[in-house]
Amino acid sequence: MRSSRSVRPDLARLIERPFAHRGLHGPGRLENSRAAFEAAIEAGFGIELDVQLSRDGEAMVFHDYALDRLTGEAGAVIERSAAELQRLMLKGMDETIPTLGEVLRLIAGRCGLLIEVKAPRRHAAKLSAAVNRALQGHGGEAAVMSFNPEVGRWFSRNAPDVKRGLVVTEENKRGLRGRVERAFSLWRSRANFLAYDIRDLPSPFAAATRARGLPVLTWTVRNRRDEERASVYADQIIHELPQGRG
């Protein structure tokens, strides 16, 4: 899927291909693993991945705040140093948790990249700085995005050349309070694009933002019905489609 709307050139290059959500994962390839990223590149997709903060301030490629689901260890990611996390094996794989720097070197500019910054408010600046350090010298198309508008705000002030997005869901945020919160978050984040929950489309907020020229990406597209909805209301998909179809 690719929008026919006029989108600023750097964002158009970034979103020209669908993004594999946490890489192209499945049997034998865990989410956010090197194998999942290589599979996404081979299939011709961009990559969406997640980063968490280590105890010593490194950006680690891992989705959950806790280690339990994806490794054989318990506890929070932020309780471990980067070196300790890099020794932890991912469940069912001959791989460990990588740093963002490692993954950027692996990707080497071969595809567009969306980095979701998983940052509670008190960690937003520290993790944003770690992501920005890792991005130095990366020659490919990349952007950061987060539910936390403070991430976008940090990048707008400290690294304005890095493209930034606001991740949005309207789940449990209906009504006036939700509309006000979304408008404030968009203003606060200084976002260049939205990454919107597919379950909320069509959305008046997303439509109004898109009409202002900001691309709308949508997650997580998992079936043909989602694809059809996204083709009308979004500019690109972040997907987990069967056999990686996109």
C-alpha atoms as a PDB file:
ATOM      1  CA  MET A   1       0.000   0.000   0.000  1.00  0.00           C
ATOM      2  CA  ARG A   2       1.194   3.490  -0.812  1.00  0.00           C
ATOM      3  CA  SER A   3      -0.679   6.746  -0.538  1.00  0.00           C
ATOM      4  CA  SER A   4      -1.226   8.866  -3.638  1.00  0.00           C
ATOM      5  CA  ARG A   5      -1.450  11.981  -1.471  1.00  0.00           C
ATOM      6  CA  SER A   6       1.272  14.602  -1.461  1.00  0.00           C
ATOM      7  CA  VAL A   7       3.646  13.817   1.414  1.00  0.00           C
ATOM      8  CA  ARG A   8       6.912  15.609   2.096  1.00  0.00           C
ATOM      9  CA  PRO A   9       9.743  13.747   0.287  1.00  0.00           C
ATOM     10  CA  ASP A  10      11.669  12.440   3.313  1.00  0.00           C
ATOM     11  CA  LEU A  11       8.518  10.940   4.834  1.00  0.00           C
ATOM     12  CA  ALA A  12       7.444   9.556   1.448  1.00  0.00           C
ATOM     13  CA  ARG A  13      10.746   7.669   1.201  1.00  0.00           C
ATOM     14  CA  LEU A  14      10.353   6.342   4.736  1.00  0.00           C
ATOM     15  CA  ILE A  15       6.827   4.998   4.232  1.00  0.00           C
ATOM     16  CA  GLU A  16       7.071   3.756   0.657  1.00  0.00           C
ATOM     17  CA  ARG A  17       6.858   0.097   1.788  1.00  0.00           C
ATOM     18  CA  PRO A  18       4.740  -1.646   4.451  1.00  0.00           C
ATOM     19  CA  PHE A  19       6.409  -2.229   7.809  1.00  0.00           C
ATOM     20  CA  ALA A  20       6.708  -5.646   9.416  1.00  0.00           C
ATOM     21  CA  HIS A  21       5.573  -5.276  13.037  1.00  0.00           C
ATOM     22  CA  ARG A  22       8.543  -6.215  15.259  1.00  0.00           C
ATOM     23  CA  GLY A  23      10.114  -7.724  12.169  1.00  0.00           C
ATOM     24  CA  LEU A  24       8.720 -10.608  10.149  1.00  0.00           C
ATOM     25  CA  HIS A  25       8.315 -13.031  13.028  1.00  0.00           C
ATOM     26  CA  GLY A  26       6.645 -16.410  13.296  1.00  0.00           C
ATOM     27  CA  PRO A  27       7.597 -20.032  13.999  1.00  0.00           C
ATOM     28  CA  GLY A  28      11.324 -20.117  14.744  1.00  0.00           C
ATOM     29  CA  ARG A  29      11.669 -16.315  14.532  1.00  0.00           C
ATOM     30  CA  LEU A  30      10.808 -14.426  17.694  1.00  0.00           C
ATOM     31  CA  GLU A  31       9.621 -10.810  17.506  1.00  0.00           C
ATOM     32  CA  ASN A  32      12.365  -8.147  17.548  1.00  0.00           C
ATOM     33  CA  SER A  33      15.017 -10.741  16.730  1.00  0.00           C
ATOM     34  CA  ARG A  34      17.794 -10.420  14.189  1.00  0.00           C
ATOM     35  CA  ALA A  35      16.249 -13.297  12.237  1.00  0.00           C
ATOM     36  CA  ALA A  36      12.892 -11.493  12.093  1.00  0.00           C
ATOM     37  CA  PHE A  37      14.572  -8.340  10.811  1.00  0.00           C
ATOM     38  CA  GLU A  38      16.500 -10.197   8.115  1.00  0.00           C
ATOM     39  CA  ALA A  39      13.289 -11.952   7.035  1.00  0.00           C
ATOM     40  CA  ALA A  40      11.495  -8.605   6.747  1.00  0.00           C
ATOM     41  CA  ILE A  41      14.269  -7.169   4.593  1.00  0.00           C
ATOM     42  CA  GLU A  42      14.303 -10.261   2.373  1.00  0.00           C
ATOM     43  CA  ALA A  43      10.527  -9.950   1.898  1.00  0.00           C
ATOM     44  CA  GLY A  44      10.863  -6.310   0.843  1.00  0.00           C
ATOM     45  CA  PHE A  45       9.332  -4.679   3.938  1.00  0.00           C
ATOM     46  CA  GLY A  46      10.337  -1.897   6.246  1.00  0.00           C
ATOM     47  CA  ILE A  47      10.821  -2.747   9.914  1.00  0.00           C
ATOM     48  CA  GLU A  48       9.049  -1.556  13.052  1.00  0.00           C
ATOM     49  CA  LEU A  49      10.861  -2.373  16.292  1.00  0.00           C
ATOM     50  CA  ASP A  50      10.740  -1.474  19.978  1.00  0.00           C
ATOM     51  CA  VAL A  51      13.386  -0.154  22.338  1.00  0.00           C
ATOM     52  CA  GLN A  52      13.645  -0.255  26.114  1.00  0.00           C
ATOM     53  CA  LEU A  53      16.144   1.426  28.426  1.00  0.00           C
ATOM     54  CA  SER A  54      18.807  -0.627  30.191  1.00  0.00           C
ATOM     55  CA  ARG A  55      19.951   0.185  33.721  1.00  0.00           C
ATOM     56  CA  ASP A  56      23.064   1.897  32.380  1.00  0.00           C
ATOM     57  CA  GLY A  57      21.260   3.964  29.761  1.00  0.00           C
ATOM     58  CA  GLU A  58      21.500   1.927  26.543  1.00  0.00           C
ATOM     59  CA  ALA A  59      18.682   1.451  24.031  1.00  0.00           C
ATOM     60  CA  MET A  60      17.869  -2.274  23.891  1.00  0.00           C
ATOM     61  CA  VAL A  61      15.672  -3.813  21.172  1.00  0.00           C
ATOM     62  CA  PHE A  62      12.918  -5.449  23.203  1.00  0.00           C
ATOM     63  CA  HIS A  63       9.176  -4.892  23.451  1.00  0.00           C
ATOM     64  CA  ASP A  64       8.109  -5.741  27.002  1.00  0.00           C
ATOM     65  CA  TYR A  65       9.052  -3.916  30.176  1.00  0.00           C
ATOM     66  CA  ALA A  66       9.481  -7.359  31.808  1.00  0.00           C
ATOM     67  CA  LEU A  67      11.763 -10.152  30.618  1.00  0.00           C
ATOM     68  CA  ASP A  68       9.480 -13.095  31.406  1.00  0.00           C
ATOM     69  CA  ARG A  69       7.549 -13.581  28.146  1.00  0.00           C
ATOM     70  CA  LEU A  70      10.462 -13.469  25.737  1.00  0.00           C
ATOM     71  CA  THR A  71      13.389 -14.845  27.757  1.00  0.00           C
ATOM     72  CA  GLY A  72      13.932 -17.442  30.452  1.00  0.00           C
ATOM     73  CA  GLU A  73      14.526 -14.731  33.042  1.00  0.00           C
ATOM     74  CA  ALA A  74      12.271 -12.713  35.350  1.00  0.00           C
ATOM     75  CA  GLY A  75      12.327  -9.047  36.292  1.00  0.00           C
ATOM     76  CA  ALA A  76      12.334  -5.730  34.484  1.00  0.00           C
ATOM     77  CA  VAL A  77      14.562  -4.833  31.550  1.00  0.00           C
ATOM     78  CA  ILE A  78      15.630  -1.628  33.271  1.00  0.00           C
ATOM     79  CA  GLU A  79      17.000  -3.579  36.235  1.00  0.00           C
ATOM     80  CA  ARG A  80      19.747  -5.082  34.029  1.00  0.00           C
ATOM     81  CA  SER A  81      22.773  -3.502  32.390  1.00  0.00           C
ATOM     82  CA  ALA A  82      23.202  -3.615  28.618  1.00  0.00           C
ATOM     83  CA  ALA A  83      25.962  -6.210  29.000  1.00  0.00           C
ATOM     84  CA  GLU A  84      23.718  -8.398  31.143  1.00  0.00           C
ATOM     85  CA  LEU A  85      20.828  -8.098  28.695  1.00  0.00           C
ATOM     86  CA  GLN A  86      23.070  -8.942  25.757  1.00  0.00           C
ATOM     87  CA  ARG A  87      23.816 -12.296  27.404  1.00  0.00           C
ATOM     88  CA  LEU A  88      20.145 -13.272  27.779  1.00  0.00           C
ATOM     89  CA  MET A  89      18.886 -15.753  25.200  1.00  0.00           C
ATOM     90  CA  LEU A  90      15.582 -15.165  23.456  1.00  0.00           C
ATOM     91  CA  LYS A  91      13.187 -18.075  23.971  1.00  0.00           C
ATOM     92  CA  GLY A  92      13.596 -20.840  21.403  1.00  0.00           C
ATOM     93  CA  MET A  93      16.362 -19.036  19.515  1.00  0.00           C
ATOM     94  CA  ASP A  94      20.125 -19.002  19.282  1.00  0.00           C
ATOM     95  CA  GLU A  95      20.048 -15.223  19.761  1.00  0.00           C
ATOM     96  CA  THR A  96      20.398 -12.711  22.563  1.00  0.00           C
ATOM     97  CA  ILE A  97      18.775  -9.302  23.136  1.00  0.00           C
ATOM     98  CA  PRO A  98      20.501  -6.794  20.821  1.00  0.00           C
ATOM     99  CA  THR A  99      21.252  -3.134  21.342  1.00  0.00           C
ATOM    100  CA  LEU A 100      19.737  -0.653  18.910  1.00  0.00           C
ATOM    101  CA  GLY A 101      23.227   0.064  17.622  1.00  0.00           C
ATOM    102  CA  GLU A 102      23.697  -3.605  16.728  1.00  0.00           C
ATOM    103  CA  VAL A 103      20.393  -3.708  14.864  1.00  0.00           C
ATOM    104  CA  LEU A 104      21.153  -0.511  12.950  1.00  0.00           C
ATOM    105  CA  ARG A 105      24.443  -2.031  11.801  1.00  0.00           C
ATOM    106  CA  LEU A 106      22.606  -5.201  10.789  1.00  0.00           C
ATOM    107  CA  ILE A 107      19.977  -3.295   8.785  1.00  0.00           C
ATOM    108  CA  ALA A 108      22.635  -0.999   7.292  1.00  0.00           C
ATOM    109  CA  GLY A 109      20.115   1.245   5.583  1.00  0.00           C
ATOM    110  CA  ARG A 110      18.531  -1.596   3.563  1.00  0.00           C
ATOM    111  CA  CYS A 111      14.964  -0.627   4.504  1.00  0.00           C
ATOM    112  CA  GLY A 112      12.865   2.012   6.232  1.00  0.00           C
ATOM    113  CA  LEU A 113      12.825   1.780  10.016  1.00  0.00           C
ATOM    114  CA  LEU A 114      10.321   2.814  12.689  1.00  0.00           C
ATOM    115  CA  ILE A 115      11.696   2.823  16.235  1.00  0.00           C
ATOM    116  CA  GLU A 116       8.995   2.736  18.889  1.00  0.00           C
ATOM    117  CA  VAL A 117      10.436   4.265  22.052  1.00  0.00           C
ATOM    118  CA  LYS A 118       8.881   2.497  25.056  1.00  0.00           C
ATOM    119  CA  ALA A 119       9.412   5.246  27.594  1.00  0.00           C
ATOM    120  CA  PRO A 120       7.479   5.975  30.772  1.00  0.00           C
ATOM    121  CA  ARG A 121       7.533   9.696  31.449  1.00  0.00           C
ATOM    122  CA  ARG A 122      10.490   9.653  33.828  1.00  0.00           C
ATOM    123  CA  HIS A 123      12.677   7.777  31.315  1.00  0.00           C
ATOM    124  CA  ALA A 124      11.717   9.632  28.134  1.00  0.00           C
ATOM    125  CA  ALA A 125      14.714  11.967  27.941  1.00  0.00           C
ATOM    126  CA  LYS A 126      17.289   9.317  28.849  1.00  0.00           C
ATOM    127  CA  LEU A 127      15.997   6.738  26.374  1.00  0.00           C
ATOM    128  CA  SER A 128      15.525   9.356  23.650  1.00  0.00           C
ATOM    129  CA  ALA A 129      19.150  10.420  24.083  1.00  0.00           C
ATOM    130  CA  ALA A 130      20.277   6.788  23.864  1.00  0.00           C
ATOM    131  CA  VAL A 131      18.290   6.274  20.653  1.00  0.00           C
ATOM    132  CA  ASN A 132      19.720   9.443  19.174  1.00  0.00           C
ATOM    133  CA  ARG A 133      23.277   8.326  19.968  1.00  0.00           C
ATOM    134  CA  ALA A 134      22.639   5.025  18.228  1.00  0.00           C
ATOM    135  CA  LEU A 135      21.228   6.783  15.159  1.00  0.00           C
ATOM    136  CA  GLN A 136      24.380   8.834  14.616  1.00  0.00           C
ATOM    137  CA  GLY A 137      25.892   7.720  11.336  1.00  0.00           C
ATOM    138  CA  HIS A 138      22.926   5.574  10.307  1.00  0.00           C
ATOM    139  CA  GLY A 139      22.527   6.208   6.618  1.00  0.00           C
ATOM    140  CA  GLY A 140      19.055   4.798   6.066  1.00  0.00           C
ATOM    141  CA  GLU A 141      15.529   6.142   6.385  1.00  0.00           C
ATOM    142  CA  ALA A 142      14.493   5.997  10.045  1.00  0.00           C
ATOM    143  CA  ALA A 143      12.026   7.616  12.415  1.00  0.00           C
ATOM    144  CA  VAL A 144      11.203   7.459  16.104  1.00  0.00           C
ATOM    145  CA  MET A 145       7.689   7.207  17.514  1.00  0.00           C
ATOM    146  CA  SER A 146       6.074   6.780  20.907  1.00  0.00           C
ATOM    147  CA  PHE A 147       2.829   6.878  22.854  1.00  0.00           C
ATOM    148  CA  ASN A 148       4.649   9.300  25.145  1.00  0.00           C
ATOM    149  CA  PRO A 149       4.595  12.796  23.567  1.00  0.00           C
ATOM    150  CA  GLU A 150       7.682  13.739  25.583  1.00  0.00           C
ATOM    151  CA  VAL A 151       9.755  11.580  23.231  1.00  0.00           C
ATOM    152  CA  GLY A 152       8.746  13.624  20.201  1.00  0.00           C
ATOM    153  CA  ARG A 153       9.265  16.815  22.163  1.00  0.00           C
ATOM    154  CA  TRP A 154      12.804  15.731  23.151  1.00  0.00           C
ATOM    155  CA  PHE A 155      13.693  15.041  19.514  1.00  0.00           C
ATOM    156  CA  SER A 156      12.114  18.279  18.289  1.00  0.00           C
ATOM    157  CA  ARG A 157      14.365  20.199  20.671  1.00  0.00           C
ATOM    158  CA  ASN A 158      17.564  18.147  20.600  1.00  0.00           C
ATOM    159  CA  ALA A 159      17.612  16.333  17.250  1.00  0.00           C
ATOM    160  CA  PRO A 160      15.063  18.066  14.994  1.00  0.00           C
ATOM    161  CA  ASP A 161      16.327  16.340  11.847  1.00  0.00           C
ATOM    162  CA  VAL A 162      15.111  12.974  13.167  1.00  0.00           C
ATOM    163  CA  LYS A 163      11.585  12.237  11.938  1.00  0.00           C
ATOM    164  CA  ARG A 164       9.175  11.676  14.831  1.00  0.00           C
ATOM    165  CA  GLY A 165       5.722  10.196  15.215  1.00  0.00           C
ATOM    166  CA  LEU A 166       2.983   9.936  17.817  1.00  0.00           C
ATOM    167  CA  VAL A 167       1.504   6.487  18.458  1.00  0.00           C
ATOM    168  CA  VAL A 168      -2.225   6.719  19.165  1.00  0.00           C
ATOM    169  CA  THR A 169      -5.003   4.455  20.366  1.00  0.00           C
ATOM    170  CA  GLU A 170      -8.478   5.605  21.303  1.00  0.00           C
ATOM    171  CA  GLU A 171      -9.094   2.513  23.451  1.00  0.00           C
ATOM    172  CA  ASN A 172     -10.495   3.637  26.822  1.00  0.00           C
ATOM    173  CA  LYS A 173     -10.063   7.240  25.638  1.00  0.00           C
ATOM    174  CA  ARG A 174     -13.387   8.103  24.054  1.00  0.00           C
ATOM    175  CA  GLY A 175     -15.324  11.301  24.556  1.00  0.00           C
ATOM    176  CA  LEU A 176     -14.185  14.850  25.225  1.00  0.00           C
ATOM    177  CA  ARG A 177     -11.347  13.958  27.566  1.00  0.00           C
ATOM    178  CA  GLY A 178      -9.813  11.621  24.984  1.00  0.00           C
ATOM    179  CA  ARG A 179     -10.122  14.191  22.200  1.00  0.00           C
ATOM    180  CA  VAL A 180      -8.441  16.846  24.326  1.00  0.00           C
ATOM    181  CA  GLU A 181      -5.667  14.448  25.329  1.00  0.00           C
ATOM    182  CA  ARG A 182      -4.970  13.485  21.716  1.00  0.00           C
ATOM    183  CA  ALA A 183      -4.868  17.101  20.576  1.00  0.00           C
ATOM    184  CA  PHE A 184      -2.531  18.035  23.426  1.00  0.00           C
ATOM    185  CA  SER A 185      -0.253  15.039  22.762  1.00  0.00           C
ATOM    186  CA  LEU A 186       0.021  15.908  19.073  1.00  0.00           C
ATOM    187  CA  TRP A 187       0.887  19.517  19.903  1.00  0.00           C
ATOM    188  CA  ARG A 188       3.334  18.485  22.620  1.00  0.00           C
ATOM    189  CA  SER A 189       5.093  15.857  20.506  1.00  0.00           C
ATOM    190  CA  ARG A 190       5.611  18.072  17.452  1.00  0.00           C
ATOM    191  CA  ALA A 191       4.974  14.872  15.484  1.00  0.00           C
ATOM    192  CA  ASN A 192       5.599  14.585  11.748  1.00  0.00           C
ATOM    193  CA  PHE A 193       3.229  11.616  11.435  1.00  0.00           C
ATOM    194  CA  LEU A 194       0.759   9.484  13.384  1.00  0.00           C
ATOM    195  CA  ALA A 195       0.846   5.721  13.967  1.00  0.00           C
ATOM    196  CA  TYR A 196      -2.810   4.904  14.629  1.00  0.00           C
ATOM    197  CA  ASP A 197      -4.600   1.871  16.039  1.00  0.00           C
ATOM    198  CA  ILE A 198      -6.364   0.164  13.102  1.00  0.00           C
ATOM    199  CA  ARG A 199      -9.316  -0.588  15.404  1.00  0.00           C
ATOM    200  CA  ASP A 200     -10.010   3.151  15.654  1.00  0.00           C
ATOM    201  CA  LEU A 201     -10.162   3.898  11.940  1.00  0.00           C
ATOM    202  CA  PRO A 202     -12.000   5.765  10.610  1.00  0.00           C
ATOM    203  CA  SER A 203     -11.277   8.442  13.191  1.00  0.00           C
ATOM    204  CA  PRO A 204     -12.149  12.151  12.956  1.00  0.00           C
ATOM    205  CA  PHE A 205      -8.889  13.005  14.738  1.00  0.00           C
ATOM    206  CA  ALA A 206      -6.773  10.928  12.366  1.00  0.00           C
ATOM    207  CA  ALA A 207      -8.644  12.306   9.355  1.00  0.00           C
ATOM    208  CA  ALA A 208      -8.175  15.909  10.468  1.00  0.00           C
ATOM    209  CA  THR A 209      -4.483  15.348  11.068  1.00  0.00           C
ATOM    210  CA  ARG A 210      -4.088  13.669   7.699  1.00  0.00           C
ATOM    211  CA  ALA A 211      -5.895  16.574   6.014  1.00  0.00           C
ATOM    212  CA  ARG A 212      -3.221  18.865   7.471  1.00  0.00           C
ATOM    213  CA  GLY A 213      -0.569  16.901   5.557  1.00  0.00           C
ATOM    214  CA  LEU A 214       0.716  14.553   8.261  1.00  0.00           C
ATOM    215  CA  PRO A 215       0.847  10.924   7.095  1.00  0.00           C
ATOM    216  CA  VAL A 216      -1.141   8.365   9.066  1.00  0.00           C
ATOM    217  CA  LEU A 217       0.348   4.906   9.496  1.00  0.00           C
ATOM    218  CA  THR A 218      -1.772   2.210  11.108  1.00  0.00           C
ATOM    219  CA  TRP A 219      -1.067  -0.784  13.351  1.00  0.00           C
ATOM    220  CA  THR A 220      -1.435  -3.696  13.669  1.00  0.00           C
ATOM    221  CA  VAL A 221      -2.886  -4.881  10.359  1.00  0.00           C
ATOM    222  CA  ARG A 222      -3.510  -8.633  10.539  1.00  0.00           C
ATOM    223  CA  ASN A 223      -6.057  -9.554   7.860  1.00  0.00           C
ATOM    224  CA  ARG A 224      -7.655  -8.539   4.563  1.00  0.00           C
ATOM    225  CA  ARG A 225     -10.386  -6.532   6.259  1.00  0.00           C
ATOM    226  CA  ASP A 226      -7.743  -4.468   8.082  1.00  0.00           C
ATOM    227  CA  GLU A 227      -5.895  -3.963   4.797  1.00  0.00           C
ATOM    228  CA  GLU A 228      -9.004  -2.684   3.068  1.00  0.00           C
ATOM    229  CA  ARG A 229      -9.739  -0.243   5.877  1.00  0.00           C
ATOM    230  CA  ALA A 230      -6.143   0.971   5.904  1.00  0.00           C
ATOM    231  CA  SER A 231      -6.205   1.551   2.135  1.00  0.00           C
ATOM    232  CA  VAL A 232      -8.912   4.186   2.658  1.00  0.00           C
ATOM    233  CA  TYR A 233      -7.927   5.814   5.935  1.00  0.00           C
ATOM    234  CA  ALA A 234      -4.133   5.521   6.186  1.00  0.00           C
ATOM    235  CA  ASP A 235      -0.979   6.088   4.164  1.00  0.00           C
ATOM    236  CA  GLN A 236       0.890   2.931   5.140  1.00  0.00           C
ATOM    237  CA  ILE A 237       0.510  -0.191   7.282  1.00  0.00           C
ATOM    238  CA  ILE A 238       2.442  -1.785  10.136  1.00  0.00           C
ATOM    239  CA  HIS A 239       1.440  -5.404   9.788  1.00  0.00           C
ATOM    240  CA  GLU A 240       1.476  -8.999  10.914  1.00  0.00           C
ATOM    241  CA  LEU A 241      -0.131 -10.450   7.816  1.00  0.00           C
ATOM    242  CA  PRO A 242      -0.165 -14.172   7.012  1.00  0.00           C
ATOM    243  CA  GLN A 243       3.019 -15.155   5.139  1.00  0.00           C
ATOM    244  CA  GLY A 244       4.072 -11.508   5.359  1.00  0.00           C
ATOM    245  CA  ARG A 245       1.630 -10.431   2.641  1.00  0.00           C
ATOM    246  CA  GLY A 246       1.631  -6.658   2.297  1.00  0.00           C
END
